[in-house]
PDB file of N, CA and C in Angstrom:
ATOM      1  N   MET A   1      27.238  -2.172  41.409  1.00  0.00           N
ATOM      2  CA  MET A   1      26.716  -3.448  41.005  1.00  0.00           C
ATOM      3  C   MET A   1      26.405  -3.391  39.525  1.00  0.00           C
ATOM      4  N   ALA A   2      26.691  -4.462  38.838  1.00  0.00           N
ATOM      5  CA  ALA A   2      26.422  -4.535  37.411  1.00  0.00           C
ATOM      6  C   ALA A   2      24.923  -4.557  37.164  1.00  0.00           C
ATOM      7  N   SER A   3      24.542  -4.143  35.982  1.00  0.00           N
ATOM      8  CA  SER A   3      23.145  -4.150  35.606  1.00  0.00           C
ATOM      9  C   SER A   3      22.583  -5.563  35.685  1.00  0.00           C
ATOM     10  N   SER A   4      21.393  -5.680  36.232  1.00  0.00           N
ATOM     11  CA  SER A   4      20.788  -7.001  36.369  1.00  0.00           C
ATOM     12  C   SER A   4      19.594  -7.126  35.451  1.00  0.00           C
ATOM     13  N   SER A   5      19.262  -8.349  35.123  1.00  0.00           N
ATOM     14  CA  SER A   5      18.123  -8.579  34.249  1.00  0.00           C
ATOM     15  C   SER A   5      16.846  -8.619  35.066  1.00  0.00           C
ATOM     16  N   ALA A   6      15.743  -8.315  34.418  1.00  0.00           N
ATOM     17  CA  ALA A   6      14.452  -8.371  35.094  1.00  0.00           C
ATOM     18  C   ALA A   6      14.134  -9.792  35.534  1.00  0.00           C
ATOM     19  N   ALA A   7      14.697 -10.789  34.857  1.00  0.00           N
ATOM     20  CA  ALA A   7      14.446 -12.184  35.214  1.00  0.00           C
ATOM     21  C   ALA A   7      14.936 -12.495  36.619  1.00  0.00           C
ATOM     22  N   GLY A   8      15.970 -11.785  37.075  1.00  0.00           N
ATOM     23  CA  GLY A   8      16.510 -12.033  38.401  1.00  0.00           C
ATOM     24  C   GLY A   8      15.843 -11.219  39.495  1.00  0.00           C
ATOM     25  N   ARG A   9      14.949 -10.312  39.137  1.00  0.00           N
ATOM     26  CA  ARG A   9      14.296  -9.418  40.103  1.00  0.00           C
ATOM     27  C   ARG A   9      13.234 -10.190  40.883  1.00  0.00           C
ATOM     28  N   ARG A  10      13.336 -10.134  42.205  1.00  0.00           N
ATOM     29  CA  ARG A  10      12.407 -10.841  43.073  1.00  0.00           C
ATOM     30  C   ARG A  10      12.086  -9.980  44.299  1.00  0.00           C
ATOM     31  N   ILE A  11      11.138 -10.437  45.080  1.00  0.00           N
ATOM     32  CA  ILE A  11      10.775  -9.788  46.335  1.00  0.00           C
ATOM     33  C   ILE A  11      11.240 -10.681  47.484  1.00  0.00           C
ATOM     34  N   ARG A  12      11.965 -10.075  48.416  1.00  0.00           N
ATOM     35  CA  ARG A  12      12.424 -10.791  49.610  1.00  0.00           C
ATOM     36  C   ARG A  12      11.439 -10.484  50.729  1.00  0.00           C
ATOM     37  N   LEU A  13      10.972 -11.518  51.365  1.00  0.00           N
ATOM     38  CA  LEU A  13      10.038 -11.415  52.474  1.00  0.00           C
ATOM     39  C   LEU A  13      10.733 -11.939  53.725  1.00  0.00           C
ATOM     40  N   GLU A  14      10.830 -11.089  54.738  1.00  0.00           N
ATOM     41  CA  GLU A  14      11.422 -11.483  56.017  1.00  0.00           C
ATOM     42  C   GLU A  14      10.333 -11.380  57.076  1.00  0.00           C
ATOM     43  N   VAL A  15      10.172 -12.431  57.840  1.00  0.00           N
ATOM     44  CA  VAL A  15       9.131 -12.493  58.858  1.00  0.00           C
ATOM     45  C   VAL A  15       9.787 -12.828  60.195  1.00  0.00           C
ATOM     46  N   ILE A  16       9.437 -12.088  61.242  1.00  0.00           N
ATOM     47  CA  ILE A  16       9.920 -12.398  62.584  1.00  0.00           C
ATOM     48  C   ILE A  16       8.704 -12.669  63.462  1.00  0.00           C
ATOM     49  N   VAL A  17       8.677 -13.878  64.029  1.00  0.00           N
ATOM     50  CA  VAL A  17       7.587 -14.290  64.911  1.00  0.00           C
ATOM     51  C   VAL A  17       8.144 -15.143  66.044  1.00  0.00           C
ATOM     52  N   GLU A  18       7.328 -15.349  67.054  1.00  0.00           N
ATOM     53  CA  GLU A  18       7.690 -16.295  68.096  1.00  0.00           C
ATOM     54  C   GLU A  18       7.707 -17.692  67.481  1.00  0.00           C
ATOM     55  N   GLN A  19       8.630 -18.515  67.924  1.00  0.00           N
ATOM     56  CA  GLN A  19       8.799 -19.843  67.347  1.00  0.00           C
ATOM     57  C   GLN A  19       7.509 -20.662  67.399  1.00  0.00           C
ATOM     58  N   ALA A  20       6.695 -20.433  68.388  1.00  0.00           N
ATOM     59  CA  ALA A  20       5.435 -21.157  68.517  1.00  0.00           C
ATOM     60  C   ALA A  20       4.519 -20.954  67.308  1.00  0.00           C
ATOM     61  N   TYR A  21       4.709 -19.848  66.579  1.00  0.00           N
ATOM     62  CA  TYR A  21       3.852 -19.542  65.432  1.00  0.00           C
ATOM     63  C   TYR A  21       4.499 -19.893  64.093  1.00  0.00           C
ATOM     64  N   LEU A  22       5.645 -20.532  64.121  1.00  0.00           N
ATOM     65  CA  LEU A  22       6.380 -20.839  62.890  1.00  0.00           C
ATOM     66  C   LEU A  22       5.536 -21.630  61.900  1.00  0.00           C
ATOM     67  N   GLU A  23       4.872 -22.660  62.356  1.00  0.00           N
ATOM     68  CA  GLU A  23       4.087 -23.485  61.434  1.00  0.00           C
ATOM     69  C   GLU A  23       2.963 -22.687  60.776  1.00  0.00           C
ATOM     70  N   ARG A  24       2.335 -21.799  61.525  1.00  0.00           N
ATOM     71  CA  ARG A  24       1.271 -20.976  60.932  1.00  0.00           C
ATOM     72  C   ARG A  24       1.833 -20.108  59.810  1.00  0.00           C
ATOM     73  N   VAL A  25       3.035 -19.578  60.006  1.00  0.00           N
ATOM     74  CA  VAL A  25       3.656 -18.743  58.977  1.00  0.00           C
ATOM     75  C   VAL A  25       4.040 -19.580  57.762  1.00  0.00           C
ATOM     76  N   THR A  26       4.619 -20.753  57.969  1.00  0.00           N
ATOM     77  CA  THR A  26       5.043 -21.560  56.818  1.00  0.00           C
ATOM     78  C   THR A  26       3.844 -22.049  56.008  1.00  0.00           C
ATOM     79  N   VAL A  27       2.727 -22.302  56.661  1.00  0.00           N
ATOM     80  CA  VAL A  27       1.510 -22.657  55.923  1.00  0.00           C
ATOM     81  C   VAL A  27       1.095 -21.488  55.030  1.00  0.00           C
ATOM     82  N   ILE A  28       1.164 -20.274  55.559  1.00  0.00           N
ATOM     83  CA  ILE A  28       0.825 -19.085  54.769  1.00  0.00           C
ATOM     84  C   ILE A  28       1.796 -18.913  53.607  1.00  0.00           C
ATOM     85  N   LEU A  29       3.083 -19.145  53.832  1.00  0.00           N
ATOM     86  CA  LEU A  29       4.055 -19.047  52.738  1.00  0.00           C
ATOM     87  C   LEU A  29       3.686 -20.009  51.615  1.00  0.00           C
ATOM     88  N   ASP A  30       3.317 -21.223  51.973  1.00  0.00           N
ATOM     89  CA  ASP A  30       2.913 -22.208  50.962  1.00  0.00           C
ATOM     90  C   ASP A  30       1.637 -21.767  50.251  1.00  0.00           C
ATOM     91  N   GLN A  31       0.642 -21.320  51.004  1.00  0.00           N
ATOM     92  CA  GLN A  31      -0.624 -20.879  50.416  1.00  0.00           C
ATOM     93  C   GLN A  31      -0.435 -19.668  49.510  1.00  0.00           C
ATOM     94  N   GLY A  32       0.500 -18.802  49.871  1.00  0.00           N
ATOM     95  CA  GLY A  32       0.742 -17.595  49.094  1.00  0.00           C
ATOM     96  C   GLY A  32       1.545 -17.821  47.827  1.00  0.00           C
ATOM     97  N   GLY A  33       2.128 -19.000  47.692  1.00  0.00           N
ATOM     98  CA  GLY A  33       2.875 -19.309  46.477  1.00  0.00           C
ATOM     99  C   GLY A  33       4.374 -19.084  46.567  1.00  0.00           C
ATOM    100  N   MET A  34       4.883 -18.861  47.777  1.00  0.00           N
ATOM    101  CA  MET A  34       6.332 -18.744  47.922  1.00  0.00           C
ATOM    102  C   MET A  34       6.925 -20.145  47.762  1.00  0.00           C
ATOM    103  N   GLN A  35       7.976 -20.266  46.953  1.00  0.00           N
ATOM    104  CA  GLN A  35       8.483 -21.588  46.595  1.00  0.00           C
ATOM    105  C   GLN A  35       9.402 -22.204  47.635  1.00  0.00           C
ATOM    106  N   GLY A  36       9.912 -21.436  48.546  1.00  0.00           N
ATOM    107  CA  GLY A  36      10.808 -21.971  49.560  1.00  0.00           C
ATOM    108  C   GLY A  36      11.121 -20.905  50.581  1.00  0.00           C
ATOM    109  N   TYR A  37      11.762 -21.321  51.654  1.00  0.00           N
ATOM    110  CA  TYR A  37      12.111 -20.379  52.712  1.00  0.00           C
ATOM    111  C   TYR A  37      13.229 -20.959  53.556  1.00  0.00           C
ATOM    112  N   THR A  38      13.838 -20.105  54.352  1.00  0.00           N
ATOM    113  CA  THR A  38      14.871 -20.485  55.310  1.00  0.00           C
ATOM    114  C   THR A  38      14.459 -19.943  56.669  1.00  0.00           C
ATOM    115  N   VAL A  39      14.629 -20.753  57.701  1.00  0.00           N
ATOM    116  CA  VAL A  39      14.289 -20.347  59.065  1.00  0.00           C
ATOM    117  C   VAL A  39      15.581 -20.167  59.850  1.00  0.00           C
ATOM    118  N   LEU A  40      15.712 -19.007  60.491  1.00  0.00           N
ATOM    119  CA  LEU A  40      16.907 -18.681  61.271  1.00  0.00           C
ATOM    120  C   LEU A  40      16.512 -18.335  62.701  1.00  0.00           C
ATOM    121  N   PRO A  41      17.305 -18.750  63.688  1.00  0.00           N
ATOM    122  CA  PRO A  41      17.008 -18.344  65.064  1.00  0.00           C
ATOM    123  C   PRO A  41      17.378 -16.876  65.267  1.00  0.00           C
ATOM    124  N   CYS A  42      16.611 -16.188  66.074  1.00  0.00           N
ATOM    125  CA  CYS A  42      16.927 -14.803  66.438  1.00  0.00           C
ATOM    126  C   CYS A  42      17.621 -14.824  67.796  1.00  0.00           C
ATOM    127  N   MET A  43      18.719 -14.116  67.907  1.00  0.00           N
ATOM    128  CA  MET A  43      19.520 -14.128  69.130  1.00  0.00           C
ATOM    129  C   MET A  43      18.994 -13.160  70.186  1.00  0.00           C
ATOM    130  N   SER A  44      18.610 -11.978  69.774  1.00  0.00           N
ATOM    131  CA  SER A  44      18.046 -10.973  70.669  1.00  0.00           C
ATOM    132  C   SER A  44      17.551  -9.828  69.807  1.00  0.00           C
ATOM    133  N   GLY A  45      16.890  -8.879  70.436  1.00  0.00           N
ATOM    134  CA  GLY A  45      16.408  -7.752  69.659  1.00  0.00           C
ATOM    135  C   GLY A  45      15.728  -6.716  70.528  1.00  0.00           C
ATOM    136  N   LYS A  46      15.257  -5.687  69.858  1.00  0.00           N
ATOM    137  CA  LYS A  46      14.545  -4.619  70.541  1.00  0.00           C
ATOM    138  C   LYS A  46      13.440  -4.145  69.622  1.00  0.00           C
ATOM    139  N   GLY A  47      12.272  -3.976  70.170  1.00  0.00           N
ATOM    140  CA  GLY A  47      11.137  -3.517  69.390  1.00  0.00           C
ATOM    141  C   GLY A  47      10.258  -2.617  70.228  1.00  0.00           C
ATOM    142  N   THR A  48       9.014  -2.478  69.814  1.00  0.00           N
ATOM    143  CA  THR A  48       8.087  -1.592  70.510  1.00  0.00           C
ATOM    144  C   THR A  48       7.795  -2.055  71.930  1.00  0.00           C
ATOM    145  N   ARG A  49       8.024  -3.335  72.192  1.00  0.00           N
ATOM    146  CA  ARG A  49       7.787  -3.873  73.540  1.00  0.00           C
ATOM    147  C   ARG A  49       9.069  -3.968  74.353  1.00  0.00           C
ATOM    148  N   GLY A  50      10.143  -3.364  73.870  1.00  0.00           N
ATOM    149  CA  GLY A  50      11.400  -3.351  74.601  1.00  0.00           C
ATOM    150  C   GLY A  50      12.384  -4.391  74.100  1.00  0.00           C
ATOM    151  N   THR A  51      13.455  -4.580  74.871  1.00  0.00           N
ATOM    152  CA  THR A  51      14.521  -5.512  74.524  1.00  0.00           C
ATOM    153  C   THR A  51      14.115  -6.922  74.931  1.00  0.00           C
ATOM    154  N   TRP A  52      14.507  -7.904  74.136  1.00  0.00           N
ATOM    155  CA  TRP A  52      14.214  -9.292  74.463  1.00  0.00           C
ATOM    156  C   TRP A  52      15.419 -10.177  74.152  1.00  0.00           C
ATOM    157  N   THR A  53      15.524 -11.260  74.872  1.00  0.00           N
ATOM    158  CA  THR A  53      16.496 -12.323  74.611  1.00  0.00           C
ATOM    159  C   THR A  53      15.769 -13.643  74.819  1.00  0.00           C
ATOM    160  N   PRO A  54      16.190 -14.695  74.148  1.00  0.00           N
ATOM    161  CA  PRO A  54      15.462 -15.959  74.253  1.00  0.00           C
ATOM    162  C   PRO A  54      15.783 -16.779  75.501  1.00  0.00           C
ATOM    163  N   GLU A  55      16.786 -16.398  76.289  1.00  0.00           N
ATOM    164  CA  GLU A  55      17.155 -17.197  77.453  1.00  0.00           C
ATOM    165  C   GLU A  55      15.964 -17.407  78.376  1.00  0.00           C
ATOM    166  N   GLY A  56      15.621 -18.654  78.548  1.00  0.00           N
ATOM    167  CA  GLY A  56      14.548 -19.007  79.464  1.00  0.00           C
ATOM    168  C   GLY A  56      13.172 -18.547  79.025  1.00  0.00           C
ATOM    169  N   ALA A  57      13.059 -18.013  77.845  1.00  0.00           N
ATOM    170  CA  ALA A  57      11.776 -17.492  77.386  1.00  0.00           C
ATOM    171  C   ALA A  57      11.056 -18.524  76.526  1.00  0.00           C
ATOM    172  N   ALA A  58       9.782 -18.652  76.768  1.00  0.00           N
ATOM    173  CA  ALA A  58       8.970 -19.554  75.952  1.00  0.00           C
ATOM    174  C   ALA A  58       8.682 -18.929  74.592  1.00  0.00           C
ATOM    175  N   ASN A  59       8.988 -17.643  74.456  1.00  0.00           N
ATOM    176  CA  ASN A  59       8.660 -16.933  73.217  1.00  0.00           C
ATOM    177  C   ASN A  59       9.901 -16.653  72.367  1.00  0.00           C
ATOM    178  N   ALA A  60      10.826 -17.607  72.286  1.00  0.00           N
ATOM    179  CA  ALA A  60      11.994 -17.436  71.418  1.00  0.00           C
ATOM    180  C   ALA A  60      11.507 -17.112  70.008  1.00  0.00           C
ATOM    181  N   ARG A  61      12.224 -16.247  69.329  1.00  0.00           N
ATOM    182  CA  ARG A  61      11.797 -15.794  68.008  1.00  0.00           C
ATOM    183  C   ARG A  61      12.635 -16.419  66.903  1.00  0.00           C
ATOM    184  N   VAL A  62      12.017 -16.480  65.728  1.00  0.00           N
ATOM    185  CA  VAL A  62      12.697 -16.959  64.533  1.00  0.00           C
ATOM    186  C   VAL A  62      12.455 -15.959  63.417  1.00  0.00           C
ATOM    187  N   MET A  63      13.376 -15.954  62.455  1.00  0.00           N
ATOM    188  CA  MET A  63      13.198 -15.170  61.244  1.00  0.00           C
ATOM    189  C   MET A  63      13.045 -16.155  60.093  1.00  0.00           C
ATOM    190  N   ILE A  64      12.027 -15.942  59.297  1.00  0.00           N
ATOM    191  CA  ILE A  64      11.794 -16.752  58.113  1.00  0.00           C
ATOM    192  C   ILE A  64      12.070 -15.857  56.917  1.00  0.00           C
ATOM    193  N   VAL A  65      12.956 -16.298  56.044  1.00  0.00           N
ATOM    194  CA  VAL A  65      13.327 -15.531  54.858  1.00  0.00           C
ATOM    195  C   VAL A  65      12.868 -16.305  53.633  1.00  0.00           C
ATOM    196  N   ALA A  66      12.131 -15.633  52.765  1.00  0.00           N
ATOM    197  CA  ALA A  66      11.668 -16.240  51.519  1.00  0.00           C
ATOM    198  C   ALA A  66      11.868 -15.235  50.392  1.00  0.00           C
ATOM    199  N   VAL A  67      12.117 -15.739  49.209  1.00  0.00           N
ATOM    200  CA  VAL A  67      12.263 -14.887  48.028  1.00  0.00           C
ATOM    201  C   VAL A  67      11.335 -15.440  46.956  1.00  0.00           C
ATOM    202  N   GLY A  68      10.538 -14.558  46.365  1.00  0.00           N
ATOM    203  CA  GLY A  68       9.596 -15.015  45.353  1.00  0.00           C
ATOM    204  C   GLY A  68       9.231 -13.918  44.377  1.00  0.00           C
ATOM    205  N   LYS A  69       8.344 -14.266  43.491  1.00  0.00           N
ATOM    206  CA  LYS A  69       7.859 -13.307  42.500  1.00  0.00           C
ATOM    207  C   LYS A  69       6.913 -12.312  43.162  1.00  0.00           C
ATOM    208  N   ASP A  70       6.737 -11.158  42.514  1.00  0.00           N
ATOM    209  CA  ASP A  70       5.932 -10.065  43.069  1.00  0.00           C
ATOM    210  C   ASP A  70       4.558 -10.516  43.553  1.00  0.00           C
ATOM    211  N   ASP A  71       3.815 -11.223  42.693  1.00  0.00           N
ATOM    212  CA  ASP A  71       2.441 -11.587  43.043  1.00  0.00           C
ATOM    213  C   ASP A  71       2.388 -12.527  44.237  1.00  0.00           C
ATOM    214  N   ALA A  72       3.285 -13.499  44.295  1.00  0.00           N
ATOM    215  CA  ALA A  72       3.314 -14.428  45.430  1.00  0.00           C
ATOM    216  C   ALA A  72       3.677 -13.692  46.716  1.00  0.00           C
ATOM    217  N   ALA A  73       4.639 -12.797  46.639  1.00  0.00           N
ATOM    218  CA  ALA A  73       5.061 -12.052  47.832  1.00  0.00           C
ATOM    219  C   ALA A  73       3.944 -11.144  48.335  1.00  0.00           C
ATOM    220  N   GLU A  74       3.253 -10.477  47.439  1.00  0.00           N
ATOM    221  CA  GLU A  74       2.158  -9.591  47.846  1.00  0.00           C
ATOM    222  C   GLU A  74       0.996 -10.383  48.432  1.00  0.00           C
ATOM    223  N   ASP A  75       0.641 -11.516  47.808  1.00  0.00           N
ATOM    224  CA  ASP A  75      -0.431 -12.363  48.339  1.00  0.00           C
ATOM    225  C   ASP A  75      -0.073 -12.863  49.734  1.00  0.00           C
ATOM    226  N   THR A  76       1.167 -13.297  49.888  1.00  0.00           N
ATOM    227  CA  THR A  76       1.635 -13.801  51.176  1.00  0.00           C
ATOM    228  C   THR A  76       1.628 -12.691  52.220  1.00  0.00           C
ATOM    229  N   ALA A  77       2.088 -11.511  51.851  1.00  0.00           N
ATOM    230  CA  ALA A  77       2.120 -10.383  52.787  1.00  0.00           C
ATOM    231  C   ALA A  77       0.716 -10.030  53.268  1.00  0.00           C
ATOM    232  N   GLU A  78      -0.259 -10.090  52.393  1.00  0.00           N
ATOM    233  CA  GLU A  78      -1.632  -9.784  52.799  1.00  0.00           C
ATOM    234  C   GLU A  78      -2.141 -10.807  53.817  1.00  0.00           C
ATOM    235  N   MET A  79      -1.840 -12.078  53.603  1.00  0.00           N
ATOM    236  CA  MET A  79      -2.245 -13.102  54.572  1.00  0.00           C
ATOM    237  C   MET A  79      -1.523 -12.914  55.906  1.00  0.00           C
ATOM    238  N   LEU A  80      -0.265 -12.494  55.851  1.00  0.00           N
ATOM    239  CA  LEU A  80       0.481 -12.239  57.086  1.00  0.00           C
ATOM    240  C   LEU A  80      -0.100 -11.052  57.840  1.00  0.00           C
ATOM    241  N   ARG A  81      -0.538 -10.015  57.116  1.00  0.00           N
ATOM    242  CA  ARG A  81      -1.177  -8.862  57.773  1.00  0.00           C
ATOM    243  C   ARG A  81      -2.373  -9.320  58.606  1.00  0.00           C
ATOM    244  N   GLN A  82      -3.151 -10.226  58.047  1.00  0.00           N
ATOM    245  CA  GLN A  82      -4.316 -10.749  58.765  1.00  0.00           C
ATOM    246  C   GLN A  82      -3.884 -11.575  59.975  1.00  0.00           C
ATOM    247  N   LEU A  83      -2.837 -12.386  59.823  1.00  0.00           N
ATOM    248  CA  LEU A  83      -2.329 -13.181  60.937  1.00  0.00           C
ATOM    249  C   LEU A  83      -1.837 -12.280  62.063  1.00  0.00           C
ATOM    250  N   PHE A  84      -1.192 -11.167  61.709  1.00  0.00           N
ATOM    251  CA  PHE A  84      -0.641 -10.272  62.723  1.00  0.00           C
ATOM    252  C   PHE A  84      -1.721  -9.511  63.489  1.00  0.00           C
ATOM    253  N   ASP A  85      -2.975  -9.625  63.066  1.00  0.00           N
ATOM    254  CA  ASP A  85      -4.082  -9.126  63.886  1.00  0.00           C
ATOM    255  C   ASP A  85      -4.296 -10.042  65.090  1.00  0.00           C
ATOM    256  N   GLU A  86      -3.827 -11.298  64.975  1.00  0.00           N
ATOM    257  CA  GLU A  86      -4.027 -12.305  66.021  1.00  0.00           C
ATOM    258  C   GLU A  86      -2.780 -12.569  66.861  1.00  0.00           C
ATOM    259  N   ILE A  87      -1.609 -12.454  66.259  1.00  0.00           N
ATOM    260  CA  ILE A  87      -0.368 -12.821  66.947  1.00  0.00           C
ATOM    261  C   ILE A  87       0.662 -11.701  66.801  1.00  0.00           C
ATOM    262  N   PRO A  88       1.662 -11.654  67.689  1.00  0.00           N
ATOM    263  CA  PRO A  88       2.740 -10.671  67.516  1.00  0.00           C
ATOM    264  C   PRO A  88       3.669 -11.103  66.390  1.00  0.00           C
ATOM    265  N   GLY A  89       4.086 -10.160  65.595  1.00  0.00           N
ATOM    266  CA  GLY A  89       5.015 -10.460  64.512  1.00  0.00           C
ATOM    267  C   GLY A  89       5.188  -9.258  63.613  1.00  0.00           C
ATOM    268  N   VAL A  90       6.169  -9.362  62.735  1.00  0.00           N
ATOM    269  CA  VAL A  90       6.435  -8.292  61.782  1.00  0.00           C
ATOM    270  C   VAL A  90       6.990  -8.919  60.509  1.00  0.00           C
ATOM    271  N   ALA A  91       6.716  -8.282  59.389  1.00  0.00           N
ATOM    272  CA  ALA A  91       7.247  -8.750  58.107  1.00  0.00           C
ATOM    273  C   ALA A  91       7.766  -7.554  57.325  1.00  0.00           C
ATOM    274  N   PHE A  92       8.773  -7.811  56.508  1.00  0.00           N
ATOM    275  CA  PHE A  92       9.379  -6.780  55.668  1.00  0.00           C
ATOM    276  C   PHE A  92       9.453  -7.293  54.242  1.00  0.00           C
ATOM    277  N   LEU A  93       9.172  -6.421  53.291  1.00  0.00           N
ATOM    278  CA  LEU A  93       9.311  -6.731  51.871  1.00  0.00           C
ATOM    279  C   LEU A  93      10.378  -5.830  51.282  1.00  0.00           C
ATOM    280  N   SER A  94      11.234  -6.400  50.450  1.00  0.00           N
ATOM    281  CA  SER A  94      12.229  -5.594  49.748  1.00  0.00           C
ATOM    282  C   SER A  94      12.500  -6.218  48.391  1.00  0.00           C
ATOM    283  N   GLU A  95      12.883  -5.376  47.462  1.00  0.00           N
ATOM    284  CA  GLU A  95      13.200  -5.841  46.115  1.00  0.00           C
ATOM    285  C   GLU A  95      14.653  -6.285  46.078  1.00  0.00           C
ATOM    286  N   VAL A  96      14.899  -7.450  45.492  1.00  0.00           N
ATOM    287  CA  VAL A  96      16.255  -7.988  45.412  1.00  0.00           C
ATOM    288  C   VAL A  96      16.517  -8.516  44.008  1.00  0.00           C
ATOM    289  N   ASP A  97      17.780  -8.665  43.692  1.00  0.00           N
ATOM    290  CA  ASP A  97      18.191  -9.322  42.457  1.00  0.00           C
ATOM    291  C   ASP A  97      18.733 -10.687  42.820  1.00  0.00           C
ATOM    292  N   ALA A  98      18.175 -11.720  42.235  1.00  0.00           N
ATOM    293  CA  ALA A  98      18.651 -13.077  42.485  1.00  0.00           C
ATOM    294  C   ALA A  98      19.866 -13.347  41.612  1.00  0.00           C
ATOM    295  N   VAL A  99      20.902 -13.896  42.223  1.00  0.00           N
ATOM    296  CA  VAL A  99      22.090 -14.269  41.458  1.00  0.00           C
ATOM    297  C   VAL A  99      21.745 -15.448  40.563  1.00  0.00           C
ATOM    298  N   ARG A 100      20.960 -16.359  41.099  1.00  0.00           N
ATOM    299  CA  ARG A 100      20.429 -17.467  40.312  1.00  0.00           C
ATOM    300  C   ARG A 100      18.920 -17.295  40.323  1.00  0.00           C
ATOM    301  N   PRO A 101      18.325 -16.851  39.229  1.00  0.00           N
ATOM    302  CA  PRO A 101      16.883 -16.610  39.218  1.00  0.00           C
ATOM    303  C   PRO A 101      16.102 -17.857  39.621  1.00  0.00           C
ATOM    304  N   LEU A 102      14.972 -17.621  40.291  1.00  0.00           N
ATOM    305  CA  LEU A 102      14.099 -18.725  40.660  1.00  0.00           C
ATOM    306  C   LEU A 102      13.539 -19.366  39.412  1.00  0.00           C
ATOM    307  N   ARG A 103      13.317 -20.634  39.482  1.00  0.00           N
ATOM    308  CA  ARG A 103      12.758 -21.358  38.341  1.00  0.00           C
ATOM    309  C   ARG A 103      11.246 -21.228  38.353  1.00  0.00           C
ATOM    310  N   ALA A 104      10.689 -21.130  37.180  1.00  0.00           N
ATOM    311  CA  ALA A 104       9.243 -21.056  36.947  1.00  0.00           C
ATOM    312  C   ALA A 104       8.605 -20.069  37.780  1.00  0.00           C
TER     313      ALA A 104
END
């Protein structure tokens, strides 16, 4: 990969929760300063509680993907840590290079 500028460097936040908790997560994303996000359905998976599929399950899962600046991502992650004391879920942070840097 070609050298990237620091202007394009961002933090990617991926959150997996039951769909019932989606609104609580998006409120946190807004409060944390993340400028936008994408919500994707999860087809199936396996975690500490075993394998799951959404067929007939009231707990279908979604993945929310957001990309933001370091401070917004860290603030948001801290709020998510507190939420995960109450609900099942997981979040991942990773450093990414934006092809089109976020504005402001």
